[in-house]
Amino acid sequence: MPTVNEILTYDGSSTDIILNYIALVVCLFPFLFFLLKGGGGKVVYWWVAAFMFLWAFQIGLCLAEGCTGISVVWNAIIGHAVVDHIREKVFHFRILLFAGVFAAVIDAYYLFTAEMLTTVAHVCALLLGSLLSGMWWYCGKKRRGYAAIQ
């Protein structure tokens, strides 16, 4: 079973560390630019809670399954952002497109270089992020939109 340090550092794989932490930052761009342009309000609390859940989920998954990495986190973040944008047009489209294409390129790299289970985990993480976005909307903010909760 890997330690939390091994999980977060890909057990010392420099390539994986660089790719995945850059992907994490890039996938956060839509959220960061939303905040920089004056967005905020209660939705930010939801995002923070969702991101904390994703980190706990990633670490728990790796402790249970003996894997390493953070790719579930950044894949779920981009899944969350895409669904948020489809529903509310909350993010700057070009920034979201850049983050989504970047994530897809990294996912494609792992499709060809890692076990198929890694790609399955990435797809499941995208769905998990989408579901988290849907939970926010259905569990209290249904039909009110971002403007009403800021």
C-alpha atoms as a PDB file:
ATOM      1  CA  MET A   1       0.000   0.000   0.000  1.00  0.00           C
ATOM      2  CA  PRO A   2       1.456   3.391  -0.959  1.00  0.00           C
ATOM      3  CA  THR A   3       1.855   6.218   1.504  1.00  0.00           C
ATOM      4  CA  VAL A   4       0.115   9.547   0.964  1.00  0.00           C
ATOM      5  CA  ASN A   5       3.479  11.029  -0.031  1.00  0.00           C
ATOM      6  CA  GLU A   6       3.972   8.318  -2.674  1.00  0.00           C
ATOM      7  CA  ILE A   7       0.437   8.902  -3.951  1.00  0.00           C
ATOM      8  CA  LEU A   8       0.921  12.656  -4.309  1.00  0.00           C
ATOM      9  CA  THR A   9       4.404  12.343  -5.838  1.00  0.00           C
ATOM     10  CA  TYR A  10       3.699   9.450  -8.214  1.00  0.00           C
ATOM     11  CA  ASP A  11       6.221   7.413  -6.239  1.00  0.00           C
ATOM     12  CA  GLY A  12       8.984   9.672  -7.586  1.00  0.00           C
ATOM     13  CA  SER A  13       8.148   9.652 -11.313  1.00  0.00           C
ATOM     14  CA  SER A  14       9.302  13.088 -12.507  1.00  0.00           C
ATOM     15  CA  THR A  15       7.359  12.904 -15.779  1.00  0.00           C
ATOM     16  CA  ASP A  16       4.101  12.063 -14.021  1.00  0.00           C
ATOM     17  CA  ILE A  17       4.649  14.749 -11.389  1.00  0.00           C
ATOM     18  CA  ILE A  18       5.260  17.461 -13.986  1.00  0.00           C
ATOM     19  CA  LEU A  19       2.403  16.448 -16.307  1.00  0.00           C
ATOM     20  CA  ASN A  20      -0.197  16.022 -13.607  1.00  0.00           C
ATOM     21  CA  TYR A  21       0.546  19.066 -11.483  1.00  0.00           C
ATOM     22  CA  ILE A  22       0.615  21.264 -14.588  1.00  0.00           C
ATOM     23  CA  ALA A  23      -2.699  19.660 -15.626  1.00  0.00           C
ATOM     24  CA  LEU A  24      -4.111  20.406 -12.171  1.00  0.00           C
ATOM     25  CA  VAL A  25      -3.205  24.093 -12.423  1.00  0.00           C
ATOM     26  CA  VAL A  26      -4.468  24.382 -16.020  1.00  0.00           C
ATOM     27  CA  CYS A  27      -7.773  22.696 -15.129  1.00  0.00           C
ATOM     28  CA  LEU A  28      -8.243  25.240 -12.338  1.00  0.00           C
ATOM     29  CA  PHE A  29      -7.839  28.173 -14.789  1.00  0.00           C
ATOM     30  CA  PRO A  30     -11.586  28.529 -15.527  1.00  0.00           C
ATOM     31  CA  PHE A  31     -12.369  28.767 -11.805  1.00  0.00           C
ATOM     32  CA  LEU A  32      -9.478  31.159 -11.106  1.00  0.00           C
ATOM     33  CA  PHE A  33     -10.418  33.493 -13.954  1.00  0.00           C
ATOM     34  CA  PHE A  34     -14.038  33.451 -12.768  1.00  0.00           C
ATOM     35  CA  LEU A  35     -12.846  34.677  -9.382  1.00  0.00           C
ATOM     36  CA  LEU A  36     -10.463  37.237 -10.885  1.00  0.00           C
ATOM     37  CA  LYS A  37     -13.216  38.813 -12.960  1.00  0.00           C
ATOM     38  CA  GLY A  38     -15.250  39.400  -9.814  1.00  0.00           C
ATOM     39  CA  GLY A  39     -17.209  36.162  -9.526  1.00  0.00           C
ATOM     40  CA  GLY A  40     -17.767  34.697  -6.139  1.00  0.00           C
ATOM     41  CA  GLY A  41     -20.491  34.111  -3.632  1.00  0.00           C
ATOM     42  CA  LYS A  42     -21.802  30.839  -2.313  1.00  0.00           C
ATOM     43  CA  VAL A  43     -20.740  28.936  -5.421  1.00  0.00           C
ATOM     44  CA  VAL A  44     -17.123  29.298  -4.313  1.00  0.00           C
ATOM     45  CA  TYR A  45     -17.916  27.475  -1.077  1.00  0.00           C
ATOM     46  CA  TRP A  46     -19.359  24.634  -3.127  1.00  0.00           C
ATOM     47  CA  TRP A  47     -16.271  24.501  -5.327  1.00  0.00           C
ATOM     48  CA  VAL A  48     -13.961  24.400  -2.306  1.00  0.00           C
ATOM     49  CA  ALA A  49     -16.041  21.609  -0.732  1.00  0.00           C
ATOM     50  CA  ALA A  50     -16.120  19.682  -4.018  1.00  0.00           C
ATOM     51  CA  PHE A  51     -12.358  20.046  -4.503  1.00  0.00           C
ATOM     52  CA  MET A  52     -11.685  18.903  -0.931  1.00  0.00           C
ATOM     53  CA  PHE A  53     -13.925  15.895  -1.545  1.00  0.00           C
ATOM     54  CA  LEU A  54     -11.990  15.115  -4.741  1.00  0.00           C
ATOM     55  CA  TRP A  55      -8.644  15.154  -2.927  1.00  0.00           C
ATOM     56  CA  ALA A  56     -10.010  12.889  -0.193  1.00  0.00           C
ATOM     57  CA  PHE A  57     -11.525  10.590  -2.825  1.00  0.00           C
ATOM     58  CA  GLN A  58      -8.246  10.413  -4.774  1.00  0.00           C
ATOM     59  CA  ILE A  59      -6.166   9.617  -1.710  1.00  0.00           C
ATOM     60  CA  GLY A  60      -8.707   7.097  -0.393  1.00  0.00           C
ATOM     61  CA  LEU A  61      -8.905   5.405  -3.781  1.00  0.00           C
ATOM     62  CA  CYS A  62      -5.143   5.092  -4.029  1.00  0.00           C
ATOM     63  CA  LEU A  63      -4.803   3.831  -0.473  1.00  0.00           C
ATOM     64  CA  ALA A  64      -7.456   1.196  -1.169  1.00  0.00           C
ATOM     65  CA  GLU A  65      -6.245   0.180  -4.632  1.00  0.00           C
ATOM     66  CA  GLY A  66      -2.498   0.699  -4.326  1.00  0.00           C
ATOM     67  CA  CYS A  67      -2.296   3.345  -7.057  1.00  0.00           C
ATOM     68  CA  THR A  68      -0.503   6.680  -7.162  1.00  0.00           C
ATOM     69  CA  GLY A  69      -1.425  10.031  -8.635  1.00  0.00           C
ATOM     70  CA  ILE A  70      -3.742  13.015  -8.730  1.00  0.00           C
ATOM     71  CA  SER A  71      -5.299  12.604 -12.170  1.00  0.00           C
ATOM     72  CA  VAL A  72      -8.732  11.810 -10.758  1.00  0.00           C
ATOM     73  CA  VAL A  73      -8.722  15.271  -9.174  1.00  0.00           C
ATOM     74  CA  TRP A  74      -7.911  17.299 -12.287  1.00  0.00           C
ATOM     75  CA  ASN A  75     -10.121  15.189 -14.572  1.00  0.00           C
ATOM     76  CA  ALA A  76     -13.047  15.676 -12.201  1.00  0.00           C
ATOM     77  CA  ILE A  77     -12.318  19.407 -11.994  1.00  0.00           C
ATOM     78  CA  ILE A  78     -12.500  19.807 -15.768  1.00  0.00           C
ATOM     79  CA  GLY A  79     -15.666  17.668 -15.889  1.00  0.00           C
ATOM     80  CA  HIS A  80     -17.195  19.933 -13.248  1.00  0.00           C
ATOM     81  CA  ALA A  81     -16.171  23.078 -15.147  1.00  0.00           C
ATOM     82  CA  VAL A  82     -17.578  21.872 -18.461  1.00  0.00           C
ATOM     83  CA  VAL A  83     -20.973  21.041 -16.974  1.00  0.00           C
ATOM     84  CA  ASP A  84     -21.031  24.332 -15.051  1.00  0.00           C
ATOM     85  CA  HIS A  85     -20.343  26.185 -18.281  1.00  0.00           C
ATOM     86  CA  ILE A  86     -22.879  24.239 -20.341  1.00  0.00           C
ATOM     87  CA  ARG A  87     -25.548  24.962 -17.762  1.00  0.00           C
ATOM     88  CA  GLU A  88     -24.701  28.556 -16.828  1.00  0.00           C
ATOM     89  CA  LYS A  89     -22.089  29.956 -19.285  1.00  0.00           C
ATOM     90  CA  VAL A  90     -20.166  30.970 -16.184  1.00  0.00           C
ATOM     91  CA  PHE A  91     -16.607  30.609 -17.529  1.00  0.00           C
ATOM     92  CA  HIS A  92     -14.684  32.385 -20.242  1.00  0.00           C
ATOM     93  CA  PHE A  93     -15.081  29.981 -23.191  1.00  0.00           C
ATOM     94  CA  ARG A  94     -11.512  30.207 -24.520  1.00  0.00           C
ATOM     95  CA  ILE A  95     -10.010  29.545 -21.122  1.00  0.00           C
ATOM     96  CA  LEU A  96     -12.311  26.566 -20.604  1.00  0.00           C
ATOM     97  CA  LEU A  97     -11.517  25.296 -24.104  1.00  0.00           C
ATOM     98  CA  PHE A  98      -7.775  25.592 -23.460  1.00  0.00           C
ATOM     99  CA  ALA A  99      -8.081  23.716 -20.151  1.00  0.00           C
ATOM    100  CA  GLY A 100     -10.286  21.034 -21.719  1.00  0.00           C
ATOM    101  CA  VAL A 101      -7.977  20.468 -24.676  1.00  0.00           C
ATOM    102  CA  PHE A 102      -4.950  20.384 -22.379  1.00  0.00           C
ATOM    103  CA  ALA A 103      -6.646  17.772 -20.191  1.00  0.00           C
ATOM    104  CA  ALA A 104      -7.600  15.738 -23.275  1.00  0.00           C
ATOM    105  CA  VAL A 105      -3.995  15.776 -24.511  1.00  0.00           C
ATOM    106  CA  ILE A 106      -2.685  14.553 -21.163  1.00  0.00           C
ATOM    107  CA  ASP A 107      -5.406  11.897 -21.057  1.00  0.00           C
ATOM    108  CA  ALA A 108      -4.445  10.811 -24.592  1.00  0.00           C
ATOM    109  CA  TYR A 109      -0.809  10.548 -23.505  1.00  0.00           C
ATOM    110  CA  TYR A 110      -1.825   8.191 -20.692  1.00  0.00           C
ATOM    111  CA  LEU A 111      -4.112   6.265 -23.035  1.00  0.00           C
ATOM    112  CA  PHE A 112      -1.048   5.290 -25.032  1.00  0.00           C
ATOM    113  CA  THR A 113       1.521   4.990 -22.239  1.00  0.00           C
ATOM    114  CA  ALA A 114      -0.306   3.616 -19.192  1.00  0.00           C
ATOM    115  CA  GLU A 115      -2.579   0.720 -18.365  1.00  0.00           C
ATOM    116  CA  MET A 116      -6.131   0.895 -19.694  1.00  0.00           C
ATOM    117  CA  LEU A 117      -7.338   1.119 -16.091  1.00  0.00           C
ATOM    118  CA  THR A 118      -5.803   4.599 -15.967  1.00  0.00           C
ATOM    119  CA  THR A 119      -7.950   5.747 -18.893  1.00  0.00           C
ATOM    120  CA  VAL A 120     -11.030   4.178 -17.319  1.00  0.00           C
ATOM    121  CA  ALA A 121     -10.255   6.087 -14.111  1.00  0.00           C
ATOM    122  CA  HIS A 122      -9.907   9.326 -16.092  1.00  0.00           C
ATOM    123  CA  VAL A 123     -13.267   8.846 -17.809  1.00  0.00           C
ATOM    124  CA  CYS A 124     -14.914   7.972 -14.489  1.00  0.00           C
ATOM    125  CA  ALA A 125     -13.358  11.086 -12.930  1.00  0.00           C
ATOM    126  CA  LEU A 126     -14.792  13.278 -15.697  1.00  0.00           C
ATOM    127  CA  LEU A 127     -18.197  11.787 -14.914  1.00  0.00           C
ATOM    128  CA  LEU A 128     -17.662  12.291 -11.186  1.00  0.00           C
ATOM    129  CA  GLY A 129     -16.924  15.978 -11.757  1.00  0.00           C
ATOM    130  CA  SER A 130     -20.019  16.272 -13.911  1.00  0.00           C
ATOM    131  CA  LEU A 131     -22.111  14.665 -11.181  1.00  0.00           C
ATOM    132  CA  LEU A 132     -20.697  17.030  -8.555  1.00  0.00           C
ATOM    133  CA  SER A 133     -21.691  19.978 -10.719  1.00  0.00           C
ATOM    134  CA  GLY A 134     -25.163  18.486 -11.124  1.00  0.00           C
ATOM    135  CA  MET A 135     -25.456  17.959  -7.369  1.00  0.00           C
ATOM    136  CA  TRP A 136     -24.846  21.650  -6.770  1.00  0.00           C
ATOM    137  CA  TRP A 137     -27.581  22.555  -9.183  1.00  0.00           C
ATOM    138  CA  TYR A 138     -30.154  19.984  -8.080  1.00  0.00           C
ATOM    139  CA  CYS A 139     -29.533  20.140  -4.337  1.00  0.00           C
ATOM    140  CA  GLY A 140     -30.580  23.683  -3.600  1.00  0.00           C
ATOM    141  CA  LYS A 141     -29.779  25.886  -6.578  1.00  0.00           C
ATOM    142  CA  LYS A 142     -32.112  24.353  -9.105  1.00  0.00           C
ATOM    143  CA  ARG A 143     -33.177  26.819 -11.792  1.00  0.00           C
ATOM    144  CA  ARG A 144     -31.859  29.817  -9.876  1.00  0.00           C
ATOM    145  CA  GLY A 145     -28.491  29.977 -11.642  1.00  0.00           C
ATOM    146  CA  TYR A 146     -25.207  31.520 -10.642  1.00  0.00           C
ATOM    147  CA  ALA A 147     -26.518  35.080 -10.709  1.00  0.00           C
ATOM    148  CA  ALA A 148     -29.011  34.266  -7.960  1.00  0.00           C
ATOM    149  CA  ILE A 149     -26.433  32.696  -5.645  1.00  0.00           C
ATOM    150  CA  GLN A 150     -23.687  35.276  -5.784  1.00  0.00           C
END
